[in-house]
C-alpha cells in the first residue's frame, strides 16, 4: 500500500507524519510548496494506491481528483478516502464521477490540530464495511475514536451535523467571553466554571489548546472553515427546515475579530 495525502496544512501534515512514524509508505502533496514533500506531482502519483484528501473545500477537491492534479487518472489508484469536510450532496455525487473501480470512503475527522498531532482524531466513516476494515490500520494511526455511520456519504452527513454544533459553540462561547470582559469577569475563572457546569462545550473546555479559539474570521483560517462547514450543513437541510439559526451562527462567525 502506497498512501498519499493531498493537502498538508494544519491537519494533513500531522496526519502524514503520524503515518510515516508508524511505518506506512506515505507521501504528501500540497499546492503550497513546503507543506507536503515539495515533489513533482508525477512522483507523488507514481504507484499510488490509497489517496487521502484533506484539502479545504469542494473546488480544491475537484482540482485534486479531476482538475489540476487529476489523480483519479492514476492507473494504480485503488481507494480514495475523503477526509475534508464537504457538502454531503457533493460527496455523494463523486460516486458518479470517480471511476467505478476506485473504492470511495468518506472519513471526515474532528478534533482540530491538537488531536491531529497527537494521533487522537475522531473519524466519522461511511462506505463498504470491508473496505473500511481494510483501512483501519491507517485510521488507528491517525485517530482513537471511530464511528461507522453507514453507507458511503453517511460519514460526511454526520460530520456536517456535528460541525453545526461546533460552529454554534464557537459563536456563543466567543460572545459570552466578550460579554464577560465588559462585566469584568476573569476569562480563566469563567472557562473553568463553564467546563464543570451546564454551559460546558468543546470550544470552552479546550479553549487554551484549540489553535483557532482566539482567531478572528478570515477566509483562509479555521474560523473561515467553520463558516464553510455551516454552508455545507445548510446544503443538506431538509426542504422545509427552519435555517434561521445556522444562518445567524454563520453571520456571527463572520463578524469575529481576534481575541487577545
C-alpha atoms as a PDB file:
ATOM      1  CA  UNK A   1       0.000   0.000   0.000  1.00  0.00           C
ATOM      2  CA  UNK A   2       1.400   3.390  -1.028  1.00  0.00           C
ATOM      3  CA  UNK A   3      -0.528   6.204   0.649  1.00  0.00           C
ATOM      4  CA  UNK A   4      -0.719   9.795  -0.494  1.00  0.00           C
ATOM      5  CA  UNK A   5      -2.088  12.731   1.472  1.00  0.00           C
ATOM      6  CA  UNK A   6      -3.279  15.623  -0.655  1.00  0.00           C
ATOM      7  CA  UNK A   7      -3.478  18.785   1.449  1.00  0.00           C
ATOM      8  CA  UNK A   8      -0.681  19.053   4.019  1.00  0.00           C
ATOM      9  CA  UNK A   9      -1.823  22.017   6.078  1.00  0.00           C
ATOM     10  CA  UNK A  10      -2.807  22.154   9.751  1.00  0.00           C
ATOM     11  CA  UNK A  11      -4.498  18.753   9.709  1.00  0.00           C
ATOM     12  CA  UNK A  12      -2.917  16.898   6.794  1.00  0.00           C
ATOM     13  CA  UNK A  13       0.698  17.476   7.774  1.00  0.00           C
ATOM     14  CA  UNK A  14       0.487  15.845  11.226  1.00  0.00           C
ATOM     15  CA  UNK A  15      -1.599  13.023   9.747  1.00  0.00           C
ATOM     16  CA  UNK A  16       1.211  12.460   7.236  1.00  0.00           C
ATOM     17  CA  UNK A  17       3.863  12.486   9.961  1.00  0.00           C
ATOM     18  CA  UNK A  18       1.964  10.036  12.180  1.00  0.00           C
ATOM     19  CA  UNK A  19       1.516   7.565   9.310  1.00  0.00           C
ATOM     20  CA  UNK A  20       5.211   7.752   8.484  1.00  0.00           C
ATOM     21  CA  UNK A  21       6.257   7.256  12.101  1.00  0.00           C
ATOM     22  CA  UNK A  22       4.091   4.127  12.165  1.00  0.00           C
ATOM     23  CA  UNK A  23       6.000   2.751   9.173  1.00  0.00           C
ATOM     24  CA  UNK A  24       3.493   3.326   6.373  1.00  0.00           C
ATOM     25  CA  UNK A  25       4.841   4.248   2.927  1.00  0.00           C
ATOM     26  CA  UNK A  26       3.267   7.699   2.820  1.00  0.00           C
ATOM     27  CA  UNK A  27       3.744  10.749   0.605  1.00  0.00           C
ATOM     28  CA  UNK A  28       2.482  14.294   0.911  1.00  0.00           C
ATOM     29  CA  UNK A  29       1.482  16.763  -1.761  1.00  0.00           C
ATOM     30  CA  UNK A  30       0.283  20.324  -1.376  1.00  0.00           C
ATOM     31  CA  UNK A  31      -0.125  23.082  -3.913  1.00  0.00           C
ATOM     32  CA  UNK A  32       1.628  25.381  -1.405  1.00  0.00           C
ATOM     33  CA  UNK A  33       5.268  24.327  -1.667  1.00  0.00           C
ATOM     34  CA  UNK A  34       6.908  23.200   1.539  1.00  0.00           C
ATOM     35  CA  UNK A  35       3.745  21.805   3.138  1.00  0.00           C
ATOM     36  CA  UNK A  36       3.996  18.366   1.563  1.00  0.00           C
ATOM     37  CA  UNK A  37       7.156  16.750   0.242  1.00  0.00           C
ATOM     38  CA  UNK A  38       7.851  19.549  -2.231  1.00  0.00           C
ATOM     39  CA  UNK A  39       7.997  16.985  -5.040  1.00  0.00           C
ATOM     40  CA  UNK A  40       6.651  16.881  -8.587  1.00  0.00           C
ATOM     41  CA  UNK A  41       3.087  15.646  -8.905  1.00  0.00           C
ATOM     42  CA  UNK A  42       4.233  12.760 -11.105  1.00  0.00           C
ATOM     43  CA  UNK A  43       6.457  11.464  -8.293  1.00  0.00           C
ATOM     44  CA  UNK A  44       3.613  11.758  -5.781  1.00  0.00           C
ATOM     45  CA  UNK A  45       1.245   9.833  -8.070  1.00  0.00           C
ATOM     46  CA  UNK A  46       3.680   7.094  -9.139  1.00  0.00           C
ATOM     47  CA  UNK A  47       2.450   3.767  -7.778  1.00  0.00           C
ATOM     48  CA  UNK A  48      -0.118   5.458  -5.524  1.00  0.00           C
ATOM     49  CA  UNK A  49      -2.764   3.027  -4.236  1.00  0.00           C
ATOM     50  CA  UNK A  50      -4.584   4.983  -1.492  1.00  0.00           C
ATOM     51  CA  UNK A  51      -5.314   8.711  -1.640  1.00  0.00           C
ATOM     52  CA  UNK A  52      -6.431  10.669   1.428  1.00  0.00           C
ATOM     53  CA  UNK A  53      -7.756  14.136   0.599  1.00  0.00           C
ATOM     54  CA  UNK A  54      -7.528  16.776   3.329  1.00  0.00           C
ATOM     55  CA  UNK A  55      -7.924  19.891   1.195  1.00  0.00           C
ATOM     56  CA  UNK A  56     -10.068  22.859   2.124  1.00  0.00           C
ATOM     57  CA  UNK A  57     -13.233  22.716   0.023  1.00  0.00           C
ATOM     58  CA  UNK A  58     -15.063  21.293  -2.996  1.00  0.00           C
ATOM     59  CA  UNK A  59     -13.104  23.399  -5.501  1.00  0.00           C
ATOM     60  CA  UNK A  60      -9.785  22.101  -4.180  1.00  0.00           C
ATOM     61  CA  UNK A  61     -11.177  18.552  -4.053  1.00  0.00           C
ATOM     62  CA  UNK A  62     -12.211  18.872  -7.693  1.00  0.00           C
ATOM     63  CA  UNK A  63      -8.674  20.004  -8.531  1.00  0.00           C
ATOM     64  CA  UNK A  64      -7.162  17.017  -6.726  1.00  0.00           C
ATOM     65  CA  UNK A  65      -9.465  14.441  -8.272  1.00  0.00           C
ATOM     66  CA  UNK A  66     -10.312  15.766 -11.727  1.00  0.00           C
ATOM     67  CA  UNK A  67      -8.628  19.094 -12.432  1.00  0.00           C
ATOM     68  CA  UNK A  68      -5.110  20.392 -11.903  1.00  0.00           C
ATOM     69  CA  UNK A  69      -3.877  17.200 -10.196  1.00  0.00           C
ATOM     70  CA  UNK A  70      -6.390  14.793 -11.784  1.00  0.00           C
ATOM     71  CA  UNK A  71      -5.403  11.924  -9.501  1.00  0.00           C
ATOM     72  CA  UNK A  72      -8.407   9.778 -10.429  1.00  0.00           C
ATOM     73  CA  UNK A  73      -6.442   9.184 -13.631  1.00  0.00           C
ATOM     74  CA  UNK A  74      -3.662   7.466 -11.673  1.00  0.00           C
ATOM     75  CA  UNK A  75      -3.589   3.868 -13.015  1.00  0.00           C
ATOM     76  CA  UNK A  76      -2.609   2.259  -9.693  1.00  0.00           C
ATOM     77  CA  UNK A  77      -5.129   4.105  -7.512  1.00  0.00           C
ATOM     78  CA  UNK A  78      -7.488   1.744  -5.683  1.00  0.00           C
ATOM     79  CA  UNK A  79      -9.058   3.792  -2.867  1.00  0.00           C
ATOM     80  CA  UNK A  80      -9.906   7.434  -2.205  1.00  0.00           C
ATOM     81  CA  UNK A  81     -10.570   8.487   1.384  1.00  0.00           C
ATOM     82  CA  UNK A  82     -12.335  11.854   1.630  1.00  0.00           C
ATOM     83  CA  UNK A  83     -11.294  13.465   4.925  1.00  0.00           C
ATOM     84  CA  UNK A  84     -12.146  17.083   4.133  1.00  0.00           C
ATOM     85  CA  UNK A  85     -15.457  18.413   5.463  1.00  0.00           C
ATOM     86  CA  UNK A  86     -17.600  18.981   2.382  1.00  0.00           C
ATOM     87  CA  UNK A  87     -21.221  19.182   1.328  1.00  0.00           C
ATOM     88  CA  UNK A  88     -22.750  15.703   1.692  1.00  0.00           C
ATOM     89  CA  UNK A  89     -24.504  16.206  -1.657  1.00  0.00           C
ATOM     90  CA  UNK A  90     -21.164  16.877  -3.326  1.00  0.00           C
ATOM     91  CA  UNK A  91     -19.607  13.815  -1.698  1.00  0.00           C
ATOM     92  CA  UNK A  92     -22.432  11.527  -2.843  1.00  0.00           C
ATOM     93  CA  UNK A  93     -22.096  12.964  -6.337  1.00  0.00           C
ATOM     94  CA  UNK A  94     -18.469  11.874  -6.513  1.00  0.00           C
ATOM     95  CA  UNK A  95     -19.551   8.248  -6.921  1.00  0.00           C
ATOM     96  CA  UNK A  96     -20.801   9.002 -10.429  1.00  0.00           C
ATOM     97  CA  UNK A  97     -17.667  10.990 -11.305  1.00  0.00           C
ATOM     98  CA  UNK A  98     -14.907   8.747  -9.954  1.00  0.00           C
ATOM     99  CA  UNK A  99     -14.064   5.607 -11.995  1.00  0.00           C
ATOM    100  CA  UNK A 100     -16.070   2.635 -10.747  1.00  0.00           C
ATOM    101  CA  UNK A 101     -13.009   0.509  -9.946  1.00  0.00           C
ATOM    102  CA  UNK A 102     -11.872   3.029  -7.294  1.00  0.00           C
ATOM    103  CA  UNK A 103     -13.348   2.476  -3.821  1.00  0.00           C
ATOM    104  CA  UNK A 104     -14.659   5.589  -2.069  1.00  0.00           C
ATOM    105  CA  UNK A 105     -14.699   6.027   1.709  1.00  0.00           C
ATOM    106  CA  UNK A 106     -15.865   9.230   3.358  1.00  0.00           C
ATOM    107  CA  UNK A 107     -13.880   9.743   6.543  1.00  0.00           C
ATOM    108  CA  UNK A 108     -14.094  13.318   7.816  1.00  0.00           C
ATOM    109  CA  UNK A 109     -12.385  13.897  11.142  1.00  0.00           C
ATOM    110  CA  UNK A 110     -12.827  16.058  14.207  1.00  0.00           C
ATOM    111  CA  UNK A 111     -10.511  17.286  16.931  1.00  0.00           C
ATOM    112  CA  UNK A 112      -8.568  20.247  15.493  1.00  0.00           C
ATOM    113  CA  UNK A 113      -4.800  20.396  15.038  1.00  0.00           C
ATOM    114  CA  UNK A 114      -4.024  19.426  18.628  1.00  0.00           C
ATOM    115  CA  UNK A 115      -5.580  15.968  18.114  1.00  0.00           C
ATOM    116  CA  UNK A 116      -4.172  15.593  14.604  1.00  0.00           C
ATOM    117  CA  UNK A 117      -0.673  15.987  16.083  1.00  0.00           C
ATOM    118  CA  UNK A 118      -1.418  13.562  18.907  1.00  0.00           C
ATOM    119  CA  UNK A 119      -2.962  10.978  16.565  1.00  0.00           C
ATOM    120  CA  UNK A 120      -6.204  11.061  18.546  1.00  0.00           C
ATOM    121  CA  UNK A 121      -8.682  12.358  15.972  1.00  0.00           C
ATOM    122  CA  UNK A 122     -12.302  11.227  15.796  1.00  0.00           C
ATOM    123  CA  UNK A 123     -13.322   9.808  12.415  1.00  0.00           C
ATOM    124  CA  UNK A 124     -16.849   9.519  11.052  1.00  0.00           C
ATOM    125  CA  UNK A 125     -16.798   6.743   8.468  1.00  0.00           C
ATOM    126  CA  UNK A 126     -19.100   5.924   5.597  1.00  0.00           C
ATOM    127  CA  UNK A 127     -18.707   3.202   2.991  1.00  0.00           C
ATOM    128  CA  UNK A 128     -18.393  -0.511   2.436  1.00  0.00           C
ATOM    129  CA  UNK A 129     -17.543  -2.190   5.758  1.00  0.00           C
ATOM    130  CA  UNK A 130     -14.974  -4.494   4.176  1.00  0.00           C
ATOM    131  CA  UNK A 131     -13.170  -1.526   2.663  1.00  0.00           C
ATOM    132  CA  UNK A 132     -13.317   0.425   5.935  1.00  0.00           C
ATOM    133  CA  UNK A 133     -11.937  -2.558   7.875  1.00  0.00           C
ATOM    134  CA  UNK A 134      -9.101  -2.942   5.384  1.00  0.00           C
ATOM    135  CA  UNK A 135      -8.034   0.640   6.077  1.00  0.00           C
ATOM    136  CA  UNK A 136      -8.472   0.594   9.857  1.00  0.00           C
ATOM    137  CA  UNK A 137      -4.694   0.339  10.421  1.00  0.00           C
ATOM    138  CA  UNK A 138      -4.439   3.804   8.854  1.00  0.00           C
ATOM    139  CA  UNK A 139      -7.302   5.224  10.900  1.00  0.00           C
ATOM    140  CA  UNK A 140      -5.897   3.686  14.088  1.00  0.00           C
ATOM    141  CA  UNK A 141      -2.638   5.539  13.472  1.00  0.00           C
ATOM    142  CA  UNK A 142      -4.337   8.897  12.971  1.00  0.00           C
ATOM    143  CA  UNK A 143      -7.198   8.655  15.458  1.00  0.00           C
ATOM    144  CA  UNK A 144      -8.669   6.996  18.509  1.00  0.00           C
ATOM    145  CA  UNK A 145     -12.454   7.303  18.131  1.00  0.00           C
ATOM    146  CA  UNK A 146     -14.182   5.753  15.122  1.00  0.00           C
ATOM    147  CA  UNK A 147     -17.848   5.971  14.256  1.00  0.00           C
ATOM    148  CA  UNK A 148     -19.017   3.831  11.340  1.00  0.00           C
ATOM    149  CA  UNK A 149     -22.146   5.721  10.356  1.00  0.00           C
ATOM    150  CA  UNK A 150     -23.412   3.679   7.404  1.00  0.00           C
ATOM    151  CA  UNK A 151     -23.051   3.579   3.652  1.00  0.00           C
ATOM    152  CA  UNK A 152     -20.854   5.923   1.660  1.00  0.00           C
ATOM    153  CA  UNK A 153     -21.914   9.506   2.396  1.00  0.00           C
ATOM    154  CA  UNK A 154     -23.215   8.852   5.909  1.00  0.00           C
ATOM    155  CA  UNK A 155     -19.894   9.816   7.485  1.00  0.00           C
ATOM    156  CA  UNK A 156     -19.894  13.214   5.823  1.00  0.00           C
ATOM    157  CA  UNK A 157     -23.510  13.937   6.667  1.00  0.00           C
ATOM    158  CA  UNK A 158     -22.793  13.081  10.306  1.00  0.00           C
ATOM    159  CA  UNK A 159     -19.677  15.273  10.371  1.00  0.00           C
ATOM    160  CA  UNK A 160     -21.545  18.250   8.950  1.00  0.00           C
ATOM    161  CA  UNK A 161     -24.271  17.891  11.582  1.00  0.00           C
ATOM    162  CA  UNK A 162     -21.601  17.684  14.281  1.00  0.00           C
ATOM    163  CA  UNK A 163     -19.912  20.797  12.922  1.00  0.00           C
ATOM    164  CA  UNK A 164     -23.141  22.775  13.036  1.00  0.00           C
ATOM    165  CA  UNK A 165     -22.965  22.268  16.794  1.00  0.00           C
ATOM    166  CA  UNK A 166     -19.248  23.108  16.860  1.00  0.00           C
ATOM    167  CA  UNK A 167     -19.978  26.320  14.957  1.00  0.00           C
ATOM    168  CA  UNK A 168     -22.742  27.300  17.381  1.00  0.00           C
ATOM    169  CA  UNK A 169     -20.463  26.557  20.359  1.00  0.00           C
ATOM    170  CA  UNK A 170     -17.748  28.714  18.822  1.00  0.00           C
ATOM    171  CA  UNK A 171     -20.062  31.630  18.101  1.00  0.00           C
ATOM    172  CA  UNK A 172     -21.759  31.571  21.508  1.00  0.00           C
ATOM    173  CA  UNK A 173     -18.620  30.942  23.570  1.00  0.00           C
ATOM    174  CA  UNK A 174     -16.854  33.867  21.953  1.00  0.00           C
ATOM    175  CA  UNK A 175     -19.911  36.080  22.550  1.00  0.00           C
ATOM    176  CA  UNK A 176     -20.055  35.024  26.216  1.00  0.00           C
ATOM    177  CA  UNK A 177     -16.348  35.789  26.714  1.00  0.00           C
ATOM    178  CA  UNK A 178     -16.726  39.244  25.159  1.00  0.00           C
ATOM    179  CA  UNK A 179     -19.643  39.996  27.460  1.00  0.00           C
ATOM    180  CA  UNK A 180     -17.624  38.708  30.411  1.00  0.00           C
ATOM    181  CA  UNK A 181     -14.870  41.203  29.581  1.00  0.00           C
ATOM    182  CA  UNK A 182     -17.386  44.020  29.785  1.00  0.00           C
ATOM    183  CA  UNK A 183     -18.613  42.690  33.135  1.00  0.00           C
ATOM    184  CA  UNK A 184     -15.064  42.450  34.479  1.00  0.00           C
ATOM    185  CA  UNK A 185     -15.127  38.654  34.872  1.00  0.00           C
ATOM    186  CA  UNK A 186     -11.795  36.841  34.626  1.00  0.00           C
ATOM    187  CA  UNK A 187     -11.603  34.679  31.486  1.00  0.00           C
ATOM    188  CA  UNK A 188      -9.808  31.754  33.141  1.00  0.00           C
ATOM    189  CA  UNK A 189     -12.267  31.609  36.028  1.00  0.00           C
ATOM    190  CA  UNK A 190     -15.250  31.719  33.686  1.00  0.00           C
ATOM    191  CA  UNK A 191     -13.863  28.982  31.428  1.00  0.00           C
ATOM    192  CA  UNK A 192     -13.255  26.789  34.473  1.00  0.00           C
ATOM    193  CA  UNK A 193     -16.843  27.381  35.584  1.00  0.00           C
ATOM    194  CA  UNK A 194     -18.234  26.558  32.131  1.00  0.00           C
ATOM    195  CA  UNK A 195     -16.199  23.339  31.992  1.00  0.00           C
ATOM    196  CA  UNK A 196     -17.946  21.994  35.115  1.00  0.00           C
ATOM    197  CA  UNK A 197     -21.395  23.484  34.541  1.00  0.00           C
ATOM    198  CA  UNK A 198     -24.353  23.310  32.178  1.00  0.00           C
ATOM    199  CA  UNK A 199     -22.687  25.529  29.566  1.00  0.00           C
ATOM    200  CA  UNK A 200     -19.888  23.001  29.000  1.00  0.00           C
ATOM    201  CA  UNK A 201     -18.847  22.662  25.368  1.00  0.00           C
ATOM    202  CA  UNK A 202     -15.871  21.566  23.275  1.00  0.00           C
ATOM    203  CA  UNK A 203     -14.520  25.026  22.467  1.00  0.00           C
ATOM    204  CA  UNK A 204     -14.752  26.356  26.019  1.00  0.00           C
ATOM    205  CA  UNK A 205     -13.219  23.224  27.538  1.00  0.00           C
ATOM    206  CA  UNK A 206     -10.330  23.233  25.079  1.00  0.00           C
ATOM    207  CA  UNK A 207     -10.009  26.988  24.698  1.00  0.00           C
ATOM    208  CA  UNK A 208      -6.302  27.132  25.537  1.00  0.00           C
ATOM    209  CA  UNK A 209      -5.405  24.156  23.332  1.00  0.00           C
ATOM    210  CA  UNK A 210      -7.532  24.673  20.219  1.00  0.00           C
ATOM    211  CA  UNK A 211      -5.371  26.640  17.808  1.00  0.00           C
ATOM    212  CA  UNK A 212      -8.116  28.835  16.380  1.00  0.00           C
ATOM    213  CA  UNK A 213     -10.020  29.586  19.613  1.00  0.00           C
ATOM    214  CA  UNK A 214      -8.905  33.237  19.687  1.00  0.00           C
ATOM    215  CA  UNK A 215      -8.853  33.871  15.944  1.00  0.00           C
ATOM    216  CA  UNK A 216     -10.965  36.352  14.077  1.00  0.00           C
ATOM    217  CA  UNK A 217     -12.653  35.457  10.819  1.00  0.00           C
ATOM    218  CA  UNK A 218     -10.515  35.154   7.710  1.00  0.00           C
ATOM    219  CA  UNK A 219     -11.275  33.285   4.517  1.00  0.00           C
ATOM    220  CA  UNK A 220      -8.156  31.142   4.873  1.00  0.00           C
ATOM    221  CA  UNK A 221      -8.214  30.227   8.575  1.00  0.00           C
ATOM    222  CA  UNK A 222     -10.163  27.770  10.735  1.00  0.00           C
ATOM    223  CA  UNK A 223     -12.942  30.251  11.565  1.00  0.00           C
ATOM    224  CA  UNK A 224     -13.405  30.629   7.814  1.00  0.00           C
ATOM    225  CA  UNK A 225     -13.538  26.843   7.533  1.00  0.00           C
ATOM    226  CA  UNK A 226     -16.315  26.738  10.141  1.00  0.00           C
ATOM    227  CA  UNK A 227     -18.259  29.246   8.036  1.00  0.00           C
ATOM    228  CA  UNK A 228     -17.758  26.911   5.083  1.00  0.00           C
ATOM    229  CA  UNK A 229     -18.907  23.943   7.177  1.00  0.00           C
ATOM    230  CA  UNK A 230     -22.127  25.728   8.137  1.00  0.00           C
ATOM    231  CA  UNK A 231     -22.734  26.273   4.411  1.00  0.00           C
ATOM    232  CA  UNK A 232     -22.279  22.517   3.904  1.00  0.00           C
ATOM    233  CA  UNK A 233     -24.882  21.932   6.625  1.00  0.00           C
ATOM    234  CA  UNK A 234     -27.304  24.329   5.019  1.00  0.00           C
ATOM    235  CA  UNK A 235     -26.821  22.463   1.746  1.00  0.00           C
ATOM    236  CA  UNK A 236     -28.177  19.266   3.363  1.00  0.00           C
ATOM    237  CA  UNK A 237     -31.044  20.910   5.238  1.00  0.00           C
ATOM    238  CA  UNK A 238     -34.496  19.386   4.612  1.00  0.00           C
ATOM    239  CA  UNK A 239     -36.624  21.362   2.194  1.00  0.00           C
ATOM    240  CA  UNK A 240     -38.988  22.578   4.931  1.00  0.00           C
ATOM    241  CA  UNK A 241     -36.306  23.229   7.580  1.00  0.00           C
ATOM    242  CA  UNK A 242     -36.023  26.498   9.511  1.00  0.00           C
ATOM    243  CA  UNK A 243     -32.450  27.559   8.694  1.00  0.00           C
ATOM    244  CA  UNK A 244     -32.547  30.896  10.519  1.00  0.00           C
ATOM    245  CA  UNK A 245     -30.419  29.699  13.473  1.00  0.00           C
ATOM    246  CA  UNK A 246     -27.492  28.223  11.499  1.00  0.00           C
ATOM    247  CA  UNK A 247     -27.603  31.207   9.162  1.00  0.00           C
ATOM    248  CA  UNK A 248     -27.288  33.544  12.154  1.00  0.00           C
ATOM    249  CA  UNK A 249     -24.440  31.449  13.610  1.00  0.00           C
ATOM    250  CA  UNK A 250     -22.654  31.761  10.297  1.00  0.00           C
ATOM    251  CA  UNK A 251     -23.072  35.550  10.396  1.00  0.00           C
ATOM    252  CA  UNK A 252     -21.686  35.721  13.953  1.00  0.00           C
ATOM    253  CA  UNK A 253     -18.627  33.710  12.916  1.00  0.00           C
ATOM    254  CA  UNK A 254     -18.020  36.099  10.033  1.00  0.00           C
ATOM    255  CA  UNK A 255     -18.092  39.013  12.475  1.00  0.00           C
ATOM    256  CA  UNK A 256     -15.465  37.601  14.872  1.00  0.00           C
ATOM    257  CA  UNK A 257     -12.307  39.617  15.437  1.00  0.00           C
ATOM    258  CA  UNK A 258      -9.132  38.278  17.123  1.00  0.00           C
ATOM    259  CA  UNK A 259      -9.359  37.861  20.883  1.00  0.00           C
ATOM    260  CA  UNK A 260      -6.234  38.598  22.934  1.00  0.00           C
END
